[in-house]
Amino acid sequence: MATSANQSRIGVPCLACPLRLKPAFKDKTDDEVRFIQAMKMEHRLLPAGADIIQPGQEDAALYTLFSGWAFRYKSLPDGRRQILNFLLPGDLVGLQASLLSAAQHGIEALTEVELCAFPRKRVWDLFVRMPSLSYEIAWLGSREESLIDENLTSVGQRNAAERIAALLISLHRRADALGLVSENSFRFPLSQQQLADALGLSLVHTSKTWAKLRRAGLFSVSGGRLTLLNPRLTARMVSLFERELEPRPLI
């Protein structure tokens, strides 16, 4: 079960943030970055398995994931869980929870994470005083919705092999834009249970399909890293075109 243990630490000043140098993100003016720095209340460090936002939480902050991986999920009363999407560095975390009276979902740290935390009461200041940033927050909300749309398409229309391949190619592309891919290899902290929870499959079916795709030579896994052995073939399996990811805002 997830925990809520956390600690604050001194973070990197926003103007010196290394994420802003990544090709995944759009440039910002110095005034915009200073406004973000003024909004930031702390830099949090959480261990793997910790709750970032709990379902029903009424005081959820807004976060930018500085490092590590996390996931957003909803659970049924009997304990079954649907992972809605995975979060990588630079992703905005908790937009819905910070705007609604209570969080309708949970967010859990998949690995150790660092988070830039912004108090929910300051979000309205951003909309009033910095319209350019408020538009970017709306854009990021739409982007998260598109990721969930893609996952819903997989769950509803793709077979098990296509679902796994679609998730792998999506995570590979997102990680590559962050400079986290080397020779088609990237850190892959997902368990097979988490894959099953994300893709609407049983653990047994996930395990069998995973093994089948490995034997087919689509990817290899070693030392916590996954290597796509034929990314173009993997992409064709799920009818994804070779397209560049659009640079996105970083809050």
Protein backbone atom coordinates (compact mmCIF):
# COMPACT_ATOMS: atom_id res chain seq x y z
CA MET A 1 0.00 0.00 0.00
CA ALA A 2 1.19 3.48 -0.83
CA THR A 3 2.53 5.75 1.90
CA SER A 4 2.51 9.51 2.28
CA ALA A 5 5.99 9.93 3.74
CA ASN A 6 7.74 12.89 2.21
CA GLN A 7 10.42 15.41 2.87
CA SER A 8 11.18 18.89 1.59
CA ARG A 9 14.49 19.87 0.13
CA ILE A 10 16.02 22.86 -1.58
CA GLY A 11 15.26 22.61 -5.26
CA VAL A 12 17.01 24.01 -8.27
CA PRO A 13 15.95 27.63 -8.99
CA CYS A 14 13.43 27.69 -11.83
CA LEU A 15 15.69 29.86 -14.01
CA ALA A 16 18.40 27.17 -13.74
CA CYS A 17 16.06 24.18 -14.11
CA PRO A 18 17.78 21.53 -16.28
CA LEU A 19 14.42 20.34 -17.61
CA ARG A 20 14.00 23.65 -19.44
CA LEU A 21 16.96 22.73 -21.66
CA LYS A 22 15.28 19.54 -22.91
CA PRO A 23 13.86 19.51 -26.46
CA ALA A 24 10.56 18.27 -25.03
CA PHE A 25 9.72 21.75 -23.70
CA LYS A 26 8.92 25.16 -25.11
CA ASP A 27 10.97 28.23 -24.19
CA LYS A 28 9.63 30.66 -21.61
CA THR A 29 10.34 34.30 -20.92
CA ASP A 30 12.32 35.15 -17.79
CA ASP A 31 9.26 36.94 -16.39
CA GLU A 32 7.16 33.78 -16.76
CA VAL A 33 9.82 31.66 -15.06
CA ARG A 34 10.15 34.16 -12.20
CA PHE A 35 6.38 34.08 -11.72
CA ILE A 36 6.52 30.28 -11.50
CA GLN A 37 9.36 30.51 -8.99
CA ALA A 38 7.30 32.93 -6.86
CA MET A 39 4.37 30.47 -6.90
CA LYS A 40 6.44 27.46 -5.89
CA MET A 41 6.07 26.60 -2.21
CA GLU A 42 8.54 23.72 -1.88
CA HIS A 43 10.51 20.94 -3.55
CA ARG A 44 9.40 17.50 -2.32
CA LEU A 45 11.15 14.15 -2.35
CA LEU A 46 8.97 11.02 -2.12
CA PRO A 47 9.93 7.34 -2.14
CA ALA A 48 8.59 4.79 -4.60
CA GLY A 49 5.07 3.73 -3.63
CA ALA A 50 4.23 6.97 -1.84
CA ASP A 51 0.94 8.77 -2.38
CA ILE A 52 1.37 12.06 -4.20
CA ILE A 53 -2.38 12.65 -4.16
CA GLN A 54 -4.89 10.40 -2.39
CA PRO A 55 -8.40 9.72 -3.73
CA GLY A 56 -10.80 12.11 -2.02
CA GLN A 57 -8.05 14.46 -0.85
CA GLU A 58 -9.43 17.97 -0.39
CA ASP A 59 -6.20 19.96 -0.13
CA ALA A 60 -4.23 18.56 -3.07
CA ALA A 61 -1.50 20.82 -4.40
CA LEU A 62 -0.46 21.20 -8.02
CA TYR A 63 2.90 19.69 -8.94
CA THR A 64 5.43 19.48 -11.71
CA LEU A 65 7.24 16.15 -11.72
CA PHE A 66 10.92 17.12 -11.60
CA SER A 67 12.36 13.61 -11.68
CA GLY A 68 11.17 10.01 -11.52
CA TRP A 69 8.00 8.26 -12.69
CA ALA A 70 4.47 8.26 -11.29
CA PHE A 71 1.01 7.12 -12.36
CA ARG A 72 -2.58 8.29 -12.02
CA TYR A 73 -5.24 5.71 -11.16
CA LYS A 74 -8.79 5.02 -10.03
CA SER A 75 -9.78 2.10 -7.83
CA LEU A 76 -13.03 0.18 -7.40
CA PRO A 77 -14.43 -0.68 -3.95
CA ASP A 78 -13.26 -4.29 -4.30
CA GLY A 79 -9.65 -3.18 -4.85
CA ARG A 80 -9.44 -3.49 -8.61
CA ARG A 81 -7.43 -0.64 -10.11
CA GLN A 82 -7.23 1.09 -13.47
CA ILE A 83 -4.02 3.00 -14.19
CA LEU A 84 -5.10 5.97 -16.30
CA ASN A 85 -1.72 7.22 -17.44
CA PHE A 86 1.96 7.31 -16.55
CA LEU A 87 3.75 10.53 -15.60
CA LEU A 88 7.33 11.38 -16.59
CA PRO A 89 9.59 14.33 -15.73
CA GLY A 90 8.10 17.68 -16.73
CA ASP A 91 4.51 16.46 -16.54
CA LEU A 92 1.94 18.52 -14.64
CA VAL A 93 0.55 16.49 -11.75
CA GLY A 94 -2.78 16.97 -10.03
CA LEU A 95 -4.49 19.62 -12.16
CA GLN A 96 -7.94 18.10 -11.70
CA ALA A 97 -7.39 17.51 -7.99
CA SER A 98 -6.22 21.10 -7.40
CA LEU A 99 -9.26 22.57 -9.16
CA LEU A 100 -12.00 20.28 -7.80
CA SER A 101 -13.18 20.24 -4.18
CA ALA A 102 -11.81 16.72 -3.75
CA ALA A 103 -9.53 14.52 -5.86
CA GLN A 104 -11.42 12.05 -8.04
CA HIS A 105 -8.35 9.84 -8.52
CA GLY A 106 -5.07 8.94 -6.87
CA ILE A 107 -1.49 9.57 -7.98
CA GLU A 108 1.29 7.28 -6.78
CA ALA A 109 5.07 7.49 -7.13
CA LEU A 110 6.26 4.61 -9.32
CA THR A 111 9.90 5.36 -8.48
CA GLU A 112 11.50 7.82 -6.10
CA VAL A 113 10.31 11.20 -7.31
CA GLU A 114 11.07 14.87 -6.86
CA LEU A 115 8.20 17.32 -7.20
CA CYS A 116 7.92 21.07 -7.54
CA ALA A 117 4.87 21.90 -5.41
CA PHE A 118 2.48 24.82 -5.97
CA PRO A 119 -0.34 25.61 -3.49
CA ARG A 120 -3.81 25.17 -4.95
CA LYS A 121 -4.88 28.63 -3.68
CA ARG A 122 -2.25 30.21 -5.97
CA VAL A 123 -3.55 28.55 -9.14
CA TRP A 124 -6.23 31.22 -9.50
CA ASP A 125 -3.54 33.92 -9.26
CA LEU A 126 -1.90 32.37 -12.29
CA PHE A 127 -5.13 32.62 -14.32
CA VAL A 128 -5.65 36.24 -13.28
CA ARG A 129 -2.11 37.60 -13.48
CA MET A 130 -0.38 35.50 -16.15
CA PRO A 131 -2.81 34.57 -18.98
CA SER A 132 -0.04 33.01 -21.08
CA LEU A 133 0.68 30.48 -18.35
CA SER A 134 -3.00 29.81 -17.69
CA TYR A 135 -3.40 28.90 -21.36
CA GLU A 136 -0.45 26.54 -21.07
CA ILE A 137 -2.03 24.83 -18.06
CA ALA A 138 -5.21 24.31 -20.08
CA TRP A 139 -3.05 22.93 -22.94
CA LEU A 140 -1.35 20.50 -20.56
CA GLY A 141 -4.73 19.36 -19.29
CA SER A 142 -5.77 18.64 -22.87
CA ARG A 143 -2.53 16.76 -23.50
CA GLU A 144 -3.14 14.52 -20.49
CA GLU A 145 -6.63 13.84 -21.80
CA SER A 146 -5.16 12.80 -25.17
CA LEU A 147 -2.84 10.31 -23.42
CA ILE A 148 -5.82 8.80 -21.64
CA ASP A 149 -7.73 8.71 -24.96
CA GLU A 150 -4.89 6.69 -26.47
CA ASN A 151 -4.93 4.25 -23.57
CA LEU A 152 -8.72 3.92 -23.79
CA THR A 153 -8.37 3.14 -27.51
CA SER A 154 -5.90 0.39 -26.63
CA VAL A 155 -8.12 -1.11 -23.95
CA GLY A 156 -11.20 -0.99 -26.17
CA GLN A 157 -9.88 -1.93 -29.61
CA ARG A 158 -6.36 -3.43 -29.56
CA ASN A 159 -5.45 -7.00 -28.76
CA ALA A 160 -3.06 -7.78 -25.91
CA ALA A 161 0.11 -7.69 -28.03
CA GLU A 162 -0.92 -4.39 -29.63
CA ARG A 163 -1.73 -2.87 -26.23
CA ILE A 164 1.69 -3.68 -24.84
CA ALA A 165 3.47 -2.52 -28.00
CA ALA A 166 1.49 0.74 -28.04
CA LEU A 167 2.41 1.51 -24.44
CA LEU A 168 6.09 0.69 -24.99
CA ILE A 169 6.43 2.88 -28.09
CA SER A 170 4.59 5.75 -26.36
CA LEU A 171 6.83 5.61 -23.28
CA HIS A 172 9.94 5.26 -25.48
CA ARG A 173 9.05 8.40 -27.43
CA ARG A 174 8.25 10.40 -24.32
CA ALA A 175 11.47 9.29 -22.61
CA ASP A 176 13.49 10.03 -25.75
CA ALA A 177 12.26 13.64 -25.83
CA LEU A 178 13.58 13.97 -22.26
CA GLY A 179 17.01 12.63 -23.15
CA LEU A 180 16.39 9.44 -21.19
CA VAL A 181 16.95 7.02 -24.09
CA SER A 182 20.37 5.71 -25.09
CA GLU A 183 20.71 3.29 -28.01
CA ASN A 184 16.95 2.64 -27.88
CA SER A 185 17.25 1.66 -24.20
CA PHE A 186 15.52 3.41 -21.30
CA ARG A 187 14.73 2.84 -17.65
CA PHE A 188 11.56 0.77 -17.33
CA PRO A 189 10.26 0.59 -13.74
CA LEU A 190 6.83 -0.90 -14.50
CA SER A 191 5.89 -4.27 -13.04
CA GLN A 192 3.73 -6.70 -15.01
CA GLN A 193 0.89 -6.05 -12.55
CA GLN A 194 1.10 -2.33 -13.33
CA LEU A 195 1.09 -3.12 -17.04
CA ALA A 196 -2.01 -5.26 -16.52
CA ASP A 197 -3.70 -2.48 -14.53
CA ALA A 198 -2.95 0.04 -17.28
CA LEU A 199 -3.99 -2.14 -20.21
CA GLY A 200 -7.13 -3.84 -18.89
CA LEU A 201 -5.60 -7.32 -18.95
CA SER A 202 -5.30 -10.08 -16.40
CA LEU A 203 -1.86 -10.60 -14.89
CA VAL A 204 -1.66 -14.08 -16.48
CA HIS A 205 -2.54 -12.76 -19.96
CA THR A 206 -0.10 -9.88 -19.56
CA SER A 207 2.71 -12.23 -18.53
CA LYS A 208 2.11 -14.64 -21.42
CA THR A 209 1.88 -11.85 -24.02
CA TRP A 210 4.96 -10.08 -22.62
CA ALA A 211 6.96 -13.31 -22.93
CA LYS A 212 5.67 -13.87 -26.46
CA LEU A 213 6.74 -10.39 -27.60
CA ARG A 214 10.18 -10.83 -26.05
CA ARG A 215 10.66 -14.13 -27.85
CA ALA A 216 9.58 -12.44 -31.09
CA GLY A 217 12.50 -10.03 -30.69
CA LEU A 218 10.54 -6.79 -30.28
CA PHE A 219 12.34 -5.82 -27.08
CA SER A 220 14.69 -7.04 -24.37
CA VAL A 221 14.79 -6.25 -20.65
CA SER A 222 17.92 -6.26 -18.50
CA GLY A 223 18.94 -4.45 -15.33
CA GLY A 224 15.69 -2.52 -15.07
CA ARG A 225 16.06 -1.14 -18.61
CA LEU A 226 14.01 -1.95 -21.68
CA THR A 227 15.52 -1.88 -25.18
CA LEU A 228 13.36 -1.66 -28.28
CA LEU A 229 15.11 -3.92 -30.76
CA ASN A 230 13.01 -2.80 -33.72
CA PRO A 231 11.12 0.43 -32.88
CA ARG A 232 9.74 0.86 -36.40
CA LEU A 233 8.22 -2.61 -36.38
CA THR A 234 6.81 -2.06 -32.92
CA ALA A 235 5.20 1.20 -34.08
CA ARG A 236 3.70 -0.45 -37.18
CA MET A 237 2.11 -3.12 -34.99
CA VAL A 238 -0.08 -0.47 -33.40
CA SER A 239 -0.54 1.77 -36.46
CA LEU A 240 1.40 4.67 -34.96
CA PHE A 241 3.00 6.95 -37.52
CA GLU A 242 6.57 8.18 -37.28
CA ARG A 243 5.81 11.66 -36.02
CA GLU A 244 7.62 14.07 -33.77
CA LEU A 245 6.15 14.85 -30.37
CA GLU A 246 5.08 18.49 -30.10
CA PRO A 247 7.18 20.51 -27.62
CA ARG A 248 5.06 21.27 -24.57
CA PRO A 249 4.99 23.90 -21.83
CA LEU A 250 6.84 23.34 -18.57
CA ILE A 251 5.30 24.89 -15.45
